Amino acid sequence: MDTVTAIRNRILQLCGERNISVNRIANLAGLPPSSVKNILYGKSQNPKIITIKSLCDGFGITLGEFFSTPEFDALEQTLK
């Protein structure tokens, strides 16, 4: 799994846990819905940390909580 897929999966997981739509989290995060959808549908291959931080604010979690999952822990180094 790559990092972008892990980010997409985490956003979808958090939306599911909180029973909120993609449009709702975009609104809560102060982002255009198209920005969130671009991440989810693979158009954004390099989501900015500021965008992820805004999503975290919308979810009411920290960046650490966002990235503290087995999926992110299992990502392999891209440079060796």
PDB file of N, CA and C in Angstrom:
ATOM      1  N   MET A   1       0.839  -1.177   0.000  1.00  0.00           N
ATOM      2  CA  MET A   1       0.000   0.000   0.000  1.00  0.00           C
ATOM      3  C   MET A   1       0.884   1.239   0.000  1.00  0.00           C
ATOM      4  N   ASP A   2       0.430   2.261  -0.726  1.00  0.00           N
ATOM      5  CA  ASP A   2       1.183   3.504  -0.753  1.00  0.00           C
ATOM      6  C   ASP A   2       0.593   4.523   0.226  1.00  0.00           C
ATOM      7  N   THR A   3       1.303   5.599   0.430  1.00  0.00           N
ATOM      8  CA  THR A   3       0.904   6.608   1.409  1.00  0.00           C
ATOM      9  C   THR A   3      -0.426   7.267   1.060  1.00  0.00           C
ATOM     10  N   VAL A   4      -0.627   7.587  -0.213  1.00  0.00           N
ATOM     11  CA  VAL A   4      -1.868   8.256  -0.621  1.00  0.00           C
ATOM     12  C   VAL A   4      -3.072   7.345  -0.362  1.00  0.00           C
ATOM     13  N   THR A   5      -2.909   6.059  -0.630  1.00  0.00           N
ATOM     14  CA  THR A   5      -3.994   5.108  -0.359  1.00  0.00           C
ATOM     15  C   THR A   5      -4.273   5.026   1.136  1.00  0.00           C
ATOM     16  N   ALA A   6      -3.225   5.036   1.948  1.00  0.00           N
ATOM     17  CA  ALA A   6      -3.401   4.998   3.401  1.00  0.00           C
ATOM     18  C   ALA A   6      -4.130   6.248   3.891  1.00  0.00           C
ATOM     19  N   ILE A   7      -3.808   7.401   3.318  1.00  0.00           N
ATOM     20  CA  ILE A   7      -4.488   8.648   3.693  1.00  0.00           C
ATOM     21  C   ILE A   7      -5.957   8.577   3.300  1.00  0.00           C
ATOM     22  N   ARG A   8      -6.216   8.142   2.087  1.00  0.00           N
ATOM     23  CA  ARG A   8      -7.605   8.001   1.618  1.00  0.00           C
ATOM     24  C   ARG A   8      -8.394   7.065   2.533  1.00  0.00           C
ATOM     25  N   ASN A   9      -7.819   5.911   2.834  1.00  0.00           N
ATOM     26  CA  ASN A   9      -8.494   4.942   3.695  1.00  0.00           C
ATOM     27  C   ASN A   9      -8.774   5.517   5.077  1.00  0.00           C
ATOM     28  N   ARG A  10      -7.833   6.292   5.604  1.00  0.00           N
ATOM     29  CA  ARG A  10      -8.007   6.869   6.939  1.00  0.00           C
ATOM     30  C   ARG A  10      -9.129   7.910   6.942  1.00  0.00           C
ATOM     31  N   ILE A  11      -9.199   8.732   5.905  1.00  0.00           N
ATOM     32  CA  ILE A  11     -10.278   9.716   5.818  1.00  0.00           C
ATOM     33  C   ILE A  11     -11.623   9.003   5.769  1.00  0.00           C
ATOM     34  N   LEU A  12     -11.715   7.980   4.932  1.00  0.00           N
ATOM     35  CA  LEU A  12     -12.967   7.235   4.818  1.00  0.00           C
ATOM     36  C   LEU A  12     -13.328   6.530   6.126  1.00  0.00           C
ATOM     37  N   GLN A  13     -12.315   6.002   6.809  1.00  0.00           N
ATOM     38  CA  GLN A  13     -12.543   5.343   8.099  1.00  0.00           C
ATOM     39  C   GLN A  13     -13.110   6.342   9.109  1.00  0.00           C
ATOM     40  N   LEU A  14     -12.491   7.508   9.205  1.00  0.00           N
ATOM     41  CA  LEU A  14     -12.936   8.513  10.165  1.00  0.00           C
ATOM     42  C   LEU A  14     -14.337   9.028   9.824  1.00  0.00           C
ATOM     43  N   CYS A  15     -14.619   9.194   8.544  1.00  0.00           N
ATOM     44  CA  CYS A  15     -15.981   9.601   8.142  1.00  0.00           C
ATOM     45  C   CYS A  15     -16.985   8.525   8.548  1.00  0.00           C
ATOM     46  N   GLY A  16     -16.637   7.270   8.321  1.00  0.00           N
ATOM     47  CA  GLY A  16     -17.524   6.171   8.682  1.00  0.00           C
ATOM     48  C   GLY A  16     -17.764   6.076  10.174  1.00  0.00           C
ATOM     49  N   GLU A  17     -16.688   6.215  10.962  1.00  0.00           N
ATOM     50  CA  GLU A  17     -16.811   6.143  12.422  1.00  0.00           C
ATOM     51  C   GLU A  17     -17.705   7.251  12.965  1.00  0.00           C
ATOM     52  N   ARG A  18     -17.655   8.412  12.311  1.00  0.00           N
ATOM     53  CA  ARG A  18     -18.421   9.567  12.795  1.00  0.00           C
ATOM     54  C   ARG A  18     -19.745   9.755  12.051  1.00  0.00           C
ATOM     55  N   ASN A  19     -19.977   8.869  11.079  1.00  0.00           N
ATOM     56  CA  ASN A  19     -21.199   8.915  10.280  1.00  0.00           C
ATOM     57  C   ASN A  19     -21.402  10.281   9.629  1.00  0.00           C
ATOM     58  N   ILE A  20     -20.312  10.775   9.005  1.00  0.00           N
ATOM     59  CA  ILE A  20     -20.401  12.055   8.304  1.00  0.00           C
ATOM     60  C   ILE A  20     -19.978  11.863   6.849  1.00  0.00           C
ATOM     61  N   SER A  21     -20.546  12.679   5.980  1.00  0.00           N
ATOM     62  CA  SER A  21     -20.256  12.592   4.553  1.00  0.00           C
ATOM     63  C   SER A  21     -18.952  13.324   4.223  1.00  0.00           C
ATOM     64  N   VAL A  22     -18.482  13.080   3.016  1.00  0.00           N
ATOM     65  CA  VAL A  22     -17.296  13.773   2.528  1.00  0.00           C
ATOM     66  C   VAL A  22     -17.571  15.280   2.461  1.00  0.00           C
ATOM     67  N   ASN A  23     -18.744  15.654   1.996  1.00  0.00           N
ATOM     68  CA  ASN A  23     -19.076  17.082   1.944  1.00  0.00           C
ATOM     69  C   ASN A  23     -19.102  17.700   3.335  1.00  0.00           C
ATOM     70  N   ARG A  24     -19.603  16.957   4.313  1.00  0.00           N
ATOM     71  CA  ARG A  24     -19.682  17.474   5.690  1.00  0.00           C
ATOM     72  C   ARG A  24     -18.289  17.674   6.284  1.00  0.00           C
ATOM     73  N   ILE A  25     -17.377  16.704   6.086  1.00  0.00           N
ATOM     74  CA  ILE A  25     -16.033  16.874   6.655  1.00  0.00           C
ATOM     75  C   ILE A  25     -15.314  18.019   5.944  1.00  0.00           C
ATOM     76  N   ALA A  26     -15.552  18.174   4.657  1.00  0.00           N
ATOM     77  CA  ALA A  26     -14.942  19.303   3.955  1.00  0.00           C
ATOM     78  C   ALA A  26     -15.423  20.614   4.566  1.00  0.00           C
ATOM     79  N   ASN A  27     -16.717  20.699   4.835  1.00  0.00           N
ATOM     80  CA  ASN A  27     -17.296  21.899   5.448  1.00  0.00           C
ATOM     81  C   ASN A  27     -16.701  22.129   6.831  1.00  0.00           C
ATOM     82  N   LEU A  28     -16.635  21.080   7.647  1.00  0.00           N
ATOM     83  CA  LEU A  28     -16.074  21.207   9.003  1.00  0.00           C
ATOM     84  C   LEU A  28     -14.604  21.614   8.974  1.00  0.00           C
ATOM     85  N   ALA A  29     -13.894  21.163   7.929  1.00  0.00           N
ATOM     86  CA  ALA A  29     -12.465  21.455   7.812  1.00  0.00           C
ATOM     87  C   ALA A  29     -12.195  22.787   7.119  1.00  0.00           C
ATOM     88  N   GLY A  30     -13.251  23.426   6.600  1.00  0.00           N
ATOM     89  CA  GLY A  30     -13.063  24.680   5.887  1.00  0.00           C
ATOM     90  C   GLY A  30     -12.399  24.492   4.535  1.00  0.00           C
ATOM     91  N   LEU A  31     -12.624  23.329   3.923  1.00  0.00           N
ATOM     92  CA  LEU A  31     -12.038  23.021   2.629  1.00  0.00           C
ATOM     93  C   LEU A  31     -13.127  22.899   1.572  1.00  0.00           C
ATOM     94  N   PRO A  32     -12.787  23.168   0.319  1.00  0.00           N
ATOM     95  CA  PRO A  32     -13.759  22.894  -0.738  1.00  0.00           C
ATOM     96  C   PRO A  32     -13.971  21.375  -0.840  1.00  0.00           C
ATOM     97  N   PRO A  33     -15.187  20.924  -1.020  1.00  0.00           N
ATOM     98  CA  PRO A  33     -15.423  19.488  -1.175  1.00  0.00           C
ATOM     99  C   PRO A  33     -14.575  18.870  -2.284  1.00  0.00           C
ATOM    100  N   SER A  34     -14.301  19.633  -3.313  1.00  0.00           N
ATOM    101  CA  SER A  34     -13.482  19.104  -4.419  1.00  0.00           C
ATOM    102  C   SER A  34     -12.069  18.742  -3.951  1.00  0.00           C
ATOM    103  N   SER A  35     -11.526  19.462  -2.992  1.00  0.00           N
ATOM    104  CA  SER A  35     -10.185  19.136  -2.470  1.00  0.00           C
ATOM    105  C   SER A  35     -10.175  17.777  -1.793  1.00  0.00           C
ATOM    106  N   VAL A  36     -11.196  17.515  -0.991  1.00  0.00           N
ATOM    107  CA  VAL A  36     -11.278  16.225  -0.294  1.00  0.00           C
ATOM    108  C   VAL A  36     -11.554  15.116  -1.312  1.00  0.00           C
ATOM    109  N   LYS A  37     -12.448  15.362  -2.242  1.00  0.00           N
ATOM    110  CA  LYS A  37     -12.767  14.355  -3.260  1.00  0.00           C
ATOM    111  C   LYS A  37     -11.561  14.056  -4.141  1.00  0.00           C
ATOM    112  N   ASN A  38     -10.738  15.054  -4.431  1.00  0.00           N
ATOM    113  CA  ASN A  38      -9.527  14.815  -5.211  1.00  0.00           C
ATOM    114  C   ASN A  38      -8.580  13.854  -4.503  1.00  0.00           C
ATOM    115  N   ILE A  39      -8.504  13.936  -3.186  1.00  0.00           N
ATOM    116  CA  ILE A  39      -7.691  12.979  -2.426  1.00  0.00           C
ATOM    117  C   ILE A  39      -8.334  11.601  -2.499  1.00  0.00           C
ATOM    118  N   LEU A  40      -9.631  11.543  -2.261  1.00  0.00           N
ATOM    119  CA  LEU A  40     -10.324  10.256  -2.196  1.00  0.00           C
ATOM    120  C   LEU A  40     -10.375   9.532  -3.535  1.00  0.00           C
ATOM    121  N   TYR A  41     -10.458  10.280  -4.619  1.00  0.00           N
ATOM    122  CA  TYR A  41     -10.596   9.653  -5.934  1.00  0.00           C
ATOM    123  C   TYR A  41      -9.288   9.581  -6.709  1.00  0.00           C
ATOM    124  N   GLY A  42      -8.181   9.896  -6.027  1.00  0.00           N
ATOM    125  CA  GLY A  42      -6.870   9.694  -6.626  1.00  0.00           C
ATOM    126  C   GLY A  42      -6.367  10.783  -7.544  1.00  0.00           C
ATOM    127  N   LYS A  43      -7.078  11.896  -7.652  1.00  0.00           N
ATOM    128  CA  LYS A  43      -6.591  12.988  -8.501  1.00  0.00           C
ATOM    129  C   LYS A  43      -5.443  13.733  -7.830  1.00  0.00           C
ATOM    130  N   SER A  44      -5.444  13.758  -6.505  1.00  0.00           N
ATOM    131  CA  SER A  44      -4.364  14.391  -5.748  1.00  0.00           C
ATOM    132  C   SER A  44      -3.400  13.301  -5.296  1.00  0.00           C
ATOM    133  N   GLN A  45      -2.244  13.239  -5.938  1.00  0.00           N
ATOM    134  CA  GLN A  45      -1.265  12.212  -5.606  1.00  0.00           C
ATOM    135  C   GLN A  45      -0.277  12.648  -4.529  1.00  0.00           C
ATOM    136  N   ASN A  46      -0.413  13.881  -4.068  1.00  0.00           N
ATOM    137  CA  ASN A  46       0.491  14.390  -3.044  1.00  0.00           C
ATOM    138  C   ASN A  46      -0.256  15.375  -2.152  1.00  0.00           C
ATOM    139  N   PRO A  47      -1.204  14.863  -1.315  1.00  0.00           N
ATOM    140  CA  PRO A  47      -1.965  15.777  -0.467  1.00  0.00           C
ATOM    141  C   PRO A  47      -1.049  16.537   0.489  1.00  0.00           C
ATOM    142  N   LYS A  48      -1.299  17.826   0.604  1.00  0.00           N
ATOM    143  CA  LYS A  48      -0.457  18.666   1.457  1.00  0.00           C
ATOM    144  C   LYS A  48      -0.782  18.423   2.928  1.00  0.00           C
ATOM    145  N   ILE A  49       0.229  18.562   3.753  1.00  0.00           N
ATOM    146  CA  ILE A  49       0.057  18.354   5.186  1.00  0.00           C
ATOM    147  C   ILE A  49      -0.914  19.390   5.763  1.00  0.00           C
ATOM    148  N   ILE A  50      -0.958  20.576   5.193  1.00  0.00           N
ATOM    149  CA  ILE A  50      -1.895  21.605   5.656  1.00  0.00           C
ATOM    150  C   ILE A  50      -3.337  21.149   5.408  1.00  0.00           C
ATOM    151  N   THR A  51      -3.573  20.487   4.291  1.00  0.00           N
ATOM    152  CA  THR A  51      -4.906  19.959   3.990  1.00  0.00           C
ATOM    153  C   THR A  51      -5.266  18.860   4.981  1.00  0.00           C
ATOM    154  N   ILE A  52      -4.325  17.981   5.248  1.00  0.00           N
ATOM    155  CA  ILE A  52      -4.580  16.900   6.211  1.00  0.00           C
ATOM    156  C   ILE A  52      -4.804  17.475   7.602  1.00  0.00           C
ATOM    157  N   LYS A  53      -4.054  18.518   7.972  1.00  0.00           N
ATOM    158  CA  LYS A  53      -4.243  19.177   9.266  1.00  0.00           C
ATOM    159  C   LYS A  53      -5.638  19.792   9.359  1.00  0.00           C
ATOM    160  N   SER A  54      -6.104  20.398   8.276  1.00  0.00           N
ATOM    161  CA  SER A  54      -7.458  20.965   8.267  1.00  0.00           C
ATOM    162  C   SER A  54      -8.496  19.866   8.449  1.00  0.00           C
ATOM    163  N   LEU A  55      -8.293  18.734   7.786  1.00  0.00           N
ATOM    164  CA  LEU A  55      -9.208  17.601   7.966  1.00  0.00           C
ATOM    165  C   LEU A  55      -9.192  17.118   9.414  1.00  0.00           C
ATOM    166  N   CYS A  56      -8.010  17.049   9.998  1.00  0.00           N
ATOM    167  CA  CYS A  56      -7.902  16.643  11.409  1.00  0.00           C
ATOM    168  C   CYS A  56      -8.680  17.599  12.306  1.00  0.00           C
ATOM    169  N   ASP A  57      -8.559  18.889  12.037  1.00  0.00           N
ATOM    170  CA  ASP A  57      -9.318  19.878  12.804  1.00  0.00           C
ATOM    171  C   ASP A  57     -10.811  19.615  12.667  1.00  0.00           C
ATOM    172  N   GLY A  58     -11.251  19.313  11.456  1.00  0.00           N
ATOM    173  CA  GLY A  58     -12.658  19.001  11.227  1.00  0.00           C
ATOM    174  C   GLY A  58     -13.108  17.749  11.962  1.00  0.00           C
ATOM    175  N   PHE A  59     -12.235  16.756  12.018  1.00  0.00           N
ATOM    176  CA  PHE A  59     -12.546  15.520  12.730  1.00  0.00           C
ATOM    177  C   PHE A  59     -12.397  15.675  14.247  1.00  0.00           C
ATOM    178  N   GLY A  60     -11.717  16.730  14.676  1.00  0.00           N
ATOM    179  CA  GLY A  60     -11.474  16.931  16.102  1.00  0.00           C
ATOM    180  C   GLY A  60     -10.373  16.037  16.645  1.00  0.00           C
ATOM    181  N   ILE A  61      -9.360  15.762  15.791  1.00  0.00           N
ATOM    182  CA  ILE A  61      -8.237  14.931  16.208  1.00  0.00           C
ATOM    183  C   ILE A  61      -6.931  15.652  15.873  1.00  0.00           C
ATOM    184  N   THR A  62      -5.839  15.123  16.409  1.00  0.00           N
ATOM    185  CA  THR A  62      -4.520  15.673  16.109  1.00  0.00           C
ATOM    186  C   THR A  62      -3.936  14.965  14.884  1.00  0.00           C
ATOM    187  N   LEU A  63      -2.896  15.567  14.330  1.00  0.00           N
ATOM    188  CA  LEU A  63      -2.182  14.894  13.243  1.00  0.00           C
ATOM    189  C   LEU A  63      -1.638  13.552  13.712  1.00  0.00           C
ATOM    190  N   GLY A  64      -1.144  13.517  14.946  1.00  0.00           N
ATOM    191  CA  GLY A  64      -0.631  12.264  15.501  1.00  0.00           C
ATOM    192  C   GLY A  64      -1.687  11.179  15.522  1.00  0.00           C
ATOM    193  N   GLU A  65      -2.902  11.548  15.915  1.00  0.00           N
ATOM    194  CA  GLU A  65      -3.994  10.576  15.937  1.00  0.00           C
ATOM    195  C   GLU A  65      -4.360  10.121  14.524  1.00  0.00           C
ATOM    196  N   PHE A  66      -4.286  11.038  13.566  1.00  0.00           N
ATOM    197  CA  PHE A  66      -4.598  10.677  12.187  1.00  0.00           C
ATOM    198  C   PHE A  66      -3.627   9.606  11.680  1.00  0.00           C
ATOM    199  N   PHE A  67      -2.339   9.821  11.947  1.00  0.00           N
ATOM    200  CA  PHE A  67      -1.318   8.925  11.412  1.00  0.00           C
ATOM    201  C   PHE A  67      -0.996   7.735  12.314  1.00  0.00           C
ATOM    202  N   SER A  68      -1.575   7.670  13.490  1.00  0.00           N
ATOM    203  CA  SER A  68      -1.280   6.585  14.433  1.00  0.00           C
ATOM    204  C   SER A  68      -2.201   5.386  14.177  1.00  0.00           C
ATOM    205  N   THR A  69      -1.911   4.678  13.084  1.00  0.00           N
ATOM    206  CA  THR A  69      -2.675   3.487  12.731  1.00  0.00           C
ATOM    207  C   THR A  69      -1.712   2.413  12.223  1.00  0.00           C
ATOM    208  N   PRO A  70      -2.121   1.167  12.286  1.00  0.00           N
ATOM    209  CA  PRO A  70      -1.268   0.096  11.749  1.00  0.00           C
ATOM    210  C   PRO A  70      -0.958   0.272  10.262  1.00  0.00           C
ATOM    211  N   GLU A  71      -1.896   0.846   9.506  1.00  0.00           N
ATOM    212  CA  GLU A  71      -1.672   1.067   8.076  1.00  0.00           C
ATOM    213  C   GLU A  71      -0.468   1.974   7.835  1.00  0.00           C
ATOM    214  N   PHE A  72      -0.385   3.055   8.583  1.00  0.00           N
ATOM    215  CA  PHE A  72       0.748   3.964   8.409  1.00  0.00           C
ATOM    216  C   PHE A  72       2.030   3.355   8.965  1.00  0.00           C
ATOM    217  N   ASP A  73       1.919   2.622  10.060  1.00  0.00           N
ATOM    218  CA  ASP A  73       3.107   1.979  10.631  1.00  0.00           C
ATOM    219  C   ASP A  73       3.695   0.943   9.679  1.00  0.00           C
ATOM    220  N   ALA A  74       2.866   0.336   8.846  1.00  0.00           N
ATOM    221  CA  ALA A  74       3.312  -0.731   7.946  1.00  0.00           C
ATOM    222  C   ALA A  74       3.876  -0.211   6.630  1.00  0.00           C
ATOM    223  N   LEU A  75       3.765   1.087   6.371  1.00  0.00           N
ATOM    224  CA  LEU A  75       4.292   1.627   5.110  1.00  0.00           C
ATOM    225  C   LEU A  75       5.798   1.424   5.059  1.00  0.00           C
ATOM    226  N   GLU A  76       6.262   0.968   3.892  1.00  0.00           N
ATOM    227  CA  GLU A  76       7.690   0.778   3.721  1.00  0.00           C
ATOM    228  C   GLU A  76       8.356   2.077   3.323  1.00  0.00           C
ATOM    229  N   GLN A  77       9.626   2.179   3.644  1.00  0.00           N
ATOM    230  CA  GLN A  77      10.386   3.358   3.249  1.00  0.00           C
ATOM    231  C   GLN A  77      10.460   3.407   1.725  1.00  0.00           C
ATOM    232  N   THR A  78      10.308   4.595   1.166  1.00  0.00           N
ATOM    233  CA  THR A  78      10.403   4.725  -0.283  1.00  0.00           C
ATOM    234  C   THR A  78      11.842   4.930  -0.735  1.00  0.00           C
ATOM    235  N   LEU A  79      12.668   5.460   0.155  1.00  0.00           N
ATOM    236  CA  LEU A  79      14.088   5.621  -0.132  1.00  0.00           C
ATOM    237  C   LEU A  79      14.881   4.727   0.798  1.00  0.00           C
ATOM    238  N   LYS A  80      15.804   4.004   0.244  1.00  0.00           N
ATOM    239  CA  LYS A  80      16.613   3.094   1.079  1.00  0.00           C
ATOM    240  C   LYS A  80      18.080   3.359   0.898  1.00  0.00           C
TER     241      LYS A  80
END
